[in-house]
Amino acid sequence: MSKLDNSATAQIRVLAQAIFEIRVLLSGYIGSADQGDERVRMAAHLAYALHNEALAVLEGGSLDIEESLSRVRAVDSVFGEDFSTAFETAISES
C-alpha cells in the first residue's frame, strides 16, 4: 500500500471533494419551494454556495476568499443565520 499524501494541499482537496459531494447529495433541498427540514436545507444551500470554489480547488486553482464569504453571507440572509462569522473566524485564525 502506498503512502498517501498528507500535505496541506491534499487535505484541502479532500475537504473540497467533500463539499462537492455534499452539494450533489443535497441538491434536492435547494430552492424556496422545498419544504424539507430547515437544517438540511441550510446545509444544502451552504454546500451549493461553495461548490464552485470547491471545484476550482479540485481543478488545481484557488478560490476567492471574499467571494466565498459573500456567498455564505447570502445563505445567512436567506435563513436568518450567521454562518459567515464562523467562516471569518476560521480565516482570521489561519
N, C-alpha and C. Protein backbone atom coordinates (compact mmCIF):
# COMPACT_ATOMS: atom_id res chain seq x y z
N MET A 1 0.84 -1.18 0.00
CA MET A 1 0.00 0.00 0.00
C MET A 1 0.89 1.24 0.00
N SER A 2 0.63 2.15 -0.91
CA SER A 2 1.44 3.36 -1.00
C SER A 2 1.03 4.37 0.07
N LYS A 3 2.00 5.16 0.48
CA LYS A 3 1.73 6.19 1.48
C LYS A 3 0.94 7.32 0.82
N LEU A 4 -0.12 7.76 1.48
CA LEU A 4 -0.95 8.83 0.96
C LEU A 4 -0.31 10.19 1.25
N ASP A 5 -0.53 11.11 0.36
CA ASP A 5 -0.07 12.48 0.54
C ASP A 5 -0.88 13.11 1.67
N ASN A 6 -0.21 13.60 2.69
CA ASN A 6 -0.89 14.21 3.82
C ASN A 6 -0.58 15.70 3.92
N SER A 7 -0.18 16.28 2.79
CA SER A 7 0.17 17.70 2.79
C SER A 7 -1.08 18.56 2.98
N ALA A 8 -0.85 19.82 3.28
CA ALA A 8 -1.97 20.75 3.43
C ALA A 8 -2.78 20.82 2.15
N THR A 9 -2.12 20.77 1.01
CA THR A 9 -2.82 20.83 -0.27
C THR A 9 -3.73 19.62 -0.44
N ALA A 10 -3.23 18.45 -0.10
CA ALA A 10 -4.05 17.23 -0.20
C ALA A 10 -5.23 17.29 0.76
N GLN A 11 -5.00 17.81 1.95
CA GLN A 11 -6.08 17.94 2.93
C GLN A 11 -7.16 18.89 2.43
N ILE A 12 -6.76 19.99 1.84
CA ILE A 12 -7.71 20.96 1.28
C ILE A 12 -8.51 20.31 0.15
N ARG A 13 -7.84 19.51 -0.67
CA ARG A 13 -8.53 18.84 -1.78
C ARG A 13 -9.57 17.85 -1.27
N VAL A 14 -9.24 17.16 -0.17
CA VAL A 14 -10.20 16.21 0.43
C VAL A 14 -11.44 16.97 0.90
N LEU A 15 -11.24 18.09 1.57
CA LEU A 15 -12.37 18.89 2.04
C LEU A 15 -13.17 19.48 0.89
N ALA A 16 -12.49 19.90 -0.17
CA ALA A 16 -13.18 20.42 -1.35
C ALA A 16 -14.03 19.33 -1.99
N GLN A 17 -13.50 18.11 -2.06
CA GLN A 17 -14.27 17.00 -2.62
C GLN A 17 -15.49 16.72 -1.76
N ALA A 18 -15.34 16.81 -0.44
CA ALA A 18 -16.47 16.60 0.46
C ALA A 18 -17.57 17.64 0.21
N ILE A 19 -17.18 18.91 0.07
CA ILE A 19 -18.17 19.97 -0.21
C ILE A 19 -18.92 19.66 -1.50
N PHE A 20 -18.17 19.25 -2.52
CA PHE A 20 -18.80 18.96 -3.80
C PHE A 20 -19.77 17.77 -3.67
N GLU A 21 -19.35 16.71 -2.99
CA GLU A 21 -20.21 15.53 -2.83
C GLU A 21 -21.46 15.86 -2.01
N ILE A 22 -21.30 16.64 -0.96
CA ILE A 22 -22.45 17.05 -0.14
C ILE A 22 -23.42 17.87 -0.97
N ARG A 23 -22.89 18.74 -1.81
CA ARG A 23 -23.75 19.54 -2.68
C ARG A 23 -24.58 18.64 -3.61
N VAL A 24 -23.95 17.62 -4.16
CA VAL A 24 -24.66 16.70 -5.05
C VAL A 24 -25.73 15.93 -4.26
N LEU A 25 -25.37 15.43 -3.09
CA LEU A 25 -26.31 14.65 -2.29
C LEU A 25 -27.52 15.47 -1.83
N LEU A 26 -27.31 16.75 -1.56
CA LEU A 26 -28.39 17.58 -1.03
C LEU A 26 -29.05 18.47 -2.09
N SER A 27 -28.77 18.23 -3.34
CA SER A 27 -29.28 19.10 -4.40
C SER A 27 -30.80 19.19 -4.42
N GLY A 28 -31.49 18.18 -3.94
CA GLY A 28 -32.94 18.20 -3.91
C GLY A 28 -33.52 19.15 -2.87
N TYR A 29 -32.67 19.71 -2.03
CA TYR A 29 -33.12 20.60 -0.97
C TYR A 29 -32.81 22.07 -1.27
N ILE A 30 -32.44 22.36 -2.50
CA ILE A 30 -32.12 23.73 -2.91
C ILE A 30 -33.39 24.38 -3.43
N GLY A 31 -33.59 25.64 -3.07
CA GLY A 31 -34.72 26.39 -3.59
C GLY A 31 -35.76 26.68 -2.53
N SER A 32 -36.51 27.69 -2.77
CA SER A 32 -37.50 28.12 -1.78
C SER A 32 -38.75 27.26 -1.77
N ALA A 33 -38.97 26.46 -2.81
CA ALA A 33 -40.18 25.64 -2.88
C ALA A 33 -40.06 24.38 -2.01
N ASP A 34 -38.83 23.97 -1.69
CA ASP A 34 -38.65 22.77 -0.89
C ASP A 34 -39.07 23.03 0.55
N GLN A 35 -39.82 22.12 1.11
CA GLN A 35 -40.30 22.27 2.48
C GLN A 35 -39.63 21.27 3.42
N GLY A 36 -38.45 20.75 3.05
CA GLY A 36 -37.74 19.79 3.88
C GLY A 36 -37.25 20.41 5.18
N ASP A 37 -36.63 19.57 5.99
CA ASP A 37 -36.06 20.01 7.27
C ASP A 37 -35.16 21.22 7.05
N GLU A 38 -35.38 22.27 7.86
CA GLU A 38 -34.66 23.52 7.64
C GLU A 38 -33.14 23.36 7.78
N ARG A 39 -32.68 22.54 8.71
CA ARG A 39 -31.23 22.33 8.88
C ARG A 39 -30.63 21.67 7.63
N VAL A 40 -31.35 20.73 7.05
CA VAL A 40 -30.88 20.08 5.82
C VAL A 40 -30.85 21.11 4.70
N ARG A 41 -31.87 21.95 4.63
CA ARG A 41 -31.91 22.99 3.60
C ARG A 41 -30.75 23.96 3.76
N MET A 42 -30.42 24.33 5.02
CA MET A 42 -29.29 25.23 5.26
C MET A 42 -27.99 24.58 4.79
N ALA A 43 -27.81 23.31 5.13
CA ALA A 43 -26.61 22.59 4.71
C ALA A 43 -26.53 22.53 3.18
N ALA A 44 -27.66 22.28 2.55
CA ALA A 44 -27.69 22.22 1.09
C ALA A 44 -27.30 23.55 0.47
N HIS A 45 -27.82 24.64 1.02
CA HIS A 45 -27.50 25.96 0.48
C HIS A 45 -26.05 26.36 0.74
N LEU A 46 -25.50 25.98 1.89
CA LEU A 46 -24.08 26.26 2.13
C LEU A 46 -23.20 25.50 1.15
N ALA A 47 -23.51 24.21 0.97
CA ALA A 47 -22.72 23.42 0.02
C ALA A 47 -22.86 23.97 -1.40
N TYR A 48 -24.08 24.35 -1.76
CA TYR A 48 -24.30 24.92 -3.09
C TYR A 48 -23.52 26.23 -3.25
N ALA A 49 -23.52 27.04 -2.20
CA ALA A 49 -22.84 28.34 -2.25
C ALA A 49 -21.34 28.19 -2.50
N LEU A 50 -20.77 27.10 -2.03
CA LEU A 50 -19.30 26.94 -2.11
C LEU A 50 -18.84 25.87 -3.09
N HIS A 51 -19.77 25.23 -3.80
CA HIS A 51 -19.34 24.12 -4.64
C HIS A 51 -18.47 24.56 -5.83
N ASN A 52 -18.71 25.73 -6.38
CA ASN A 52 -17.85 26.18 -7.49
C ASN A 52 -16.42 26.45 -7.02
N GLU A 53 -16.29 26.97 -5.80
CA GLU A 53 -14.97 27.18 -5.23
C GLU A 53 -14.29 25.84 -4.98
N ALA A 54 -15.07 24.86 -4.50
CA ALA A 54 -14.53 23.52 -4.28
C ALA A 54 -14.03 22.92 -5.60
N LEU A 55 -14.81 23.08 -6.65
CA LEU A 55 -14.38 22.58 -7.96
C LEU A 55 -13.11 23.27 -8.44
N ALA A 56 -13.01 24.56 -8.21
CA ALA A 56 -11.79 25.29 -8.60
C ALA A 56 -10.57 24.70 -7.91
N VAL A 57 -10.69 24.42 -6.62
CA VAL A 57 -9.59 23.82 -5.86
C VAL A 57 -9.26 22.44 -6.41
N LEU A 58 -10.27 21.64 -6.70
CA LEU A 58 -10.05 20.29 -7.22
C LEU A 58 -9.38 20.31 -8.58
N GLU A 59 -9.61 21.38 -9.34
CA GLU A 59 -9.00 21.51 -10.66
C GLU A 59 -7.64 22.19 -10.60
N GLY A 60 -7.11 22.38 -9.39
CA GLY A 60 -5.78 22.95 -9.24
C GLY A 60 -5.75 24.46 -9.11
N GLY A 61 -6.90 25.07 -9.07
CA GLY A 61 -6.97 26.53 -8.94
C GLY A 61 -7.09 26.94 -7.49
N SER A 62 -7.58 28.13 -7.31
CA SER A 62 -7.77 28.65 -5.96
C SER A 62 -9.15 29.26 -5.87
N LEU A 63 -9.49 29.71 -4.69
CA LEU A 63 -10.77 30.37 -4.52
C LEU A 63 -10.57 31.77 -4.00
N ASP A 64 -11.54 32.60 -4.24
CA ASP A 64 -11.52 33.98 -3.78
C ASP A 64 -12.22 34.01 -2.42
N ILE A 65 -11.45 34.30 -1.36
CA ILE A 65 -11.98 34.27 0.00
C ILE A 65 -13.14 35.24 0.16
N GLU A 66 -13.00 36.46 -0.33
CA GLU A 66 -14.08 37.44 -0.17
C GLU A 66 -15.33 37.01 -0.92
N GLU A 67 -15.17 36.45 -2.11
CA GLU A 67 -16.33 35.95 -2.86
C GLU A 67 -16.99 34.80 -2.11
N SER A 68 -16.19 33.93 -1.55
CA SER A 68 -16.73 32.81 -0.77
C SER A 68 -17.52 33.32 0.43
N LEU A 69 -16.96 34.30 1.14
CA LEU A 69 -17.67 34.88 2.28
C LEU A 69 -18.96 35.55 1.83
N SER A 70 -18.94 36.20 0.68
CA SER A 70 -20.14 36.84 0.16
C SER A 70 -21.24 35.81 -0.09
N ARG A 71 -20.85 34.66 -0.61
CA ARG A 71 -21.82 33.59 -0.86
C ARG A 71 -22.40 33.04 0.44
N VAL A 72 -21.54 32.91 1.46
CA VAL A 72 -22.01 32.44 2.76
C VAL A 72 -22.94 33.48 3.38
N ARG A 73 -22.61 34.75 3.24
CA ARG A 73 -23.49 35.81 3.76
C ARG A 73 -24.87 35.77 3.09
N ALA A 74 -24.90 35.40 1.83
CA ALA A 74 -26.18 35.28 1.13
C ALA A 74 -27.03 34.17 1.76
N VAL A 75 -26.39 33.07 2.12
CA VAL A 75 -27.10 31.99 2.82
C VAL A 75 -27.59 32.49 4.17
N ASP A 76 -26.73 33.25 4.86
CA ASP A 76 -27.14 33.85 6.14
C ASP A 76 -28.43 34.64 5.97
N SER A 77 -28.49 35.45 4.94
CA SER A 77 -29.66 36.32 4.77
C SER A 77 -30.93 35.53 4.43
N VAL A 78 -30.79 34.42 3.74
CA VAL A 78 -31.95 33.60 3.40
C VAL A 78 -32.54 32.95 4.64
N PHE A 79 -31.65 32.48 5.53
CA PHE A 79 -32.11 31.71 6.68
C PHE A 79 -32.07 32.48 8.00
N GLY A 80 -31.63 33.73 7.98
CA GLY A 80 -31.53 34.47 9.22
C GLY A 80 -30.49 33.90 10.16
N GLU A 81 -29.42 33.39 9.59
CA GLU A 81 -28.34 32.76 10.36
C GLU A 81 -27.10 33.64 10.31
N ASP A 82 -26.03 33.17 10.93
CA ASP A 82 -24.78 33.90 10.95
C ASP A 82 -23.60 32.95 10.74
N PHE A 83 -23.68 32.13 9.71
CA PHE A 83 -22.59 31.20 9.39
C PHE A 83 -21.30 31.95 9.06
N SER A 84 -21.45 33.12 8.46
CA SER A 84 -20.28 33.86 7.98
C SER A 84 -19.31 34.21 9.11
N THR A 85 -19.82 34.43 10.30
CA THR A 85 -18.94 34.74 11.43
C THR A 85 -17.99 33.58 11.72
N ALA A 86 -18.48 32.36 11.68
CA ALA A 86 -17.63 31.19 11.90
C ALA A 86 -16.58 31.08 10.79
N PHE A 87 -16.97 31.37 9.56
CA PHE A 87 -16.01 31.33 8.45
C PHE A 87 -14.95 32.42 8.62
N GLU A 88 -15.39 33.61 8.98
CA GLU A 88 -14.45 34.72 9.19
C GLU A 88 -13.48 34.41 10.32
N THR A 89 -13.96 33.78 11.38
CA THR A 89 -13.09 33.40 12.50
C THR A 89 -12.07 32.36 12.03
N ALA A 90 -12.52 31.38 11.29
CA ALA A 90 -11.60 30.35 10.78
C ALA A 90 -10.52 30.97 9.90
N ILE A 91 -10.90 31.94 9.09
CA ILE A 91 -9.93 32.58 8.20
C ILE A 91 -8.94 33.42 9.00
N SER A 92 -9.42 34.14 9.98
CA SER A 92 -8.53 35.03 10.76
C SER A 92 -7.58 34.24 11.63
N GLU A 93 -7.91 33.00 11.95
CA GLU A 93 -7.05 32.16 12.78
C GLU A 93 -6.03 31.38 11.98
N SER A 94 -6.11 31.48 10.65
CA SER A 94 -5.17 30.72 9.81
C SER A 94 -3.84 31.41 9.65
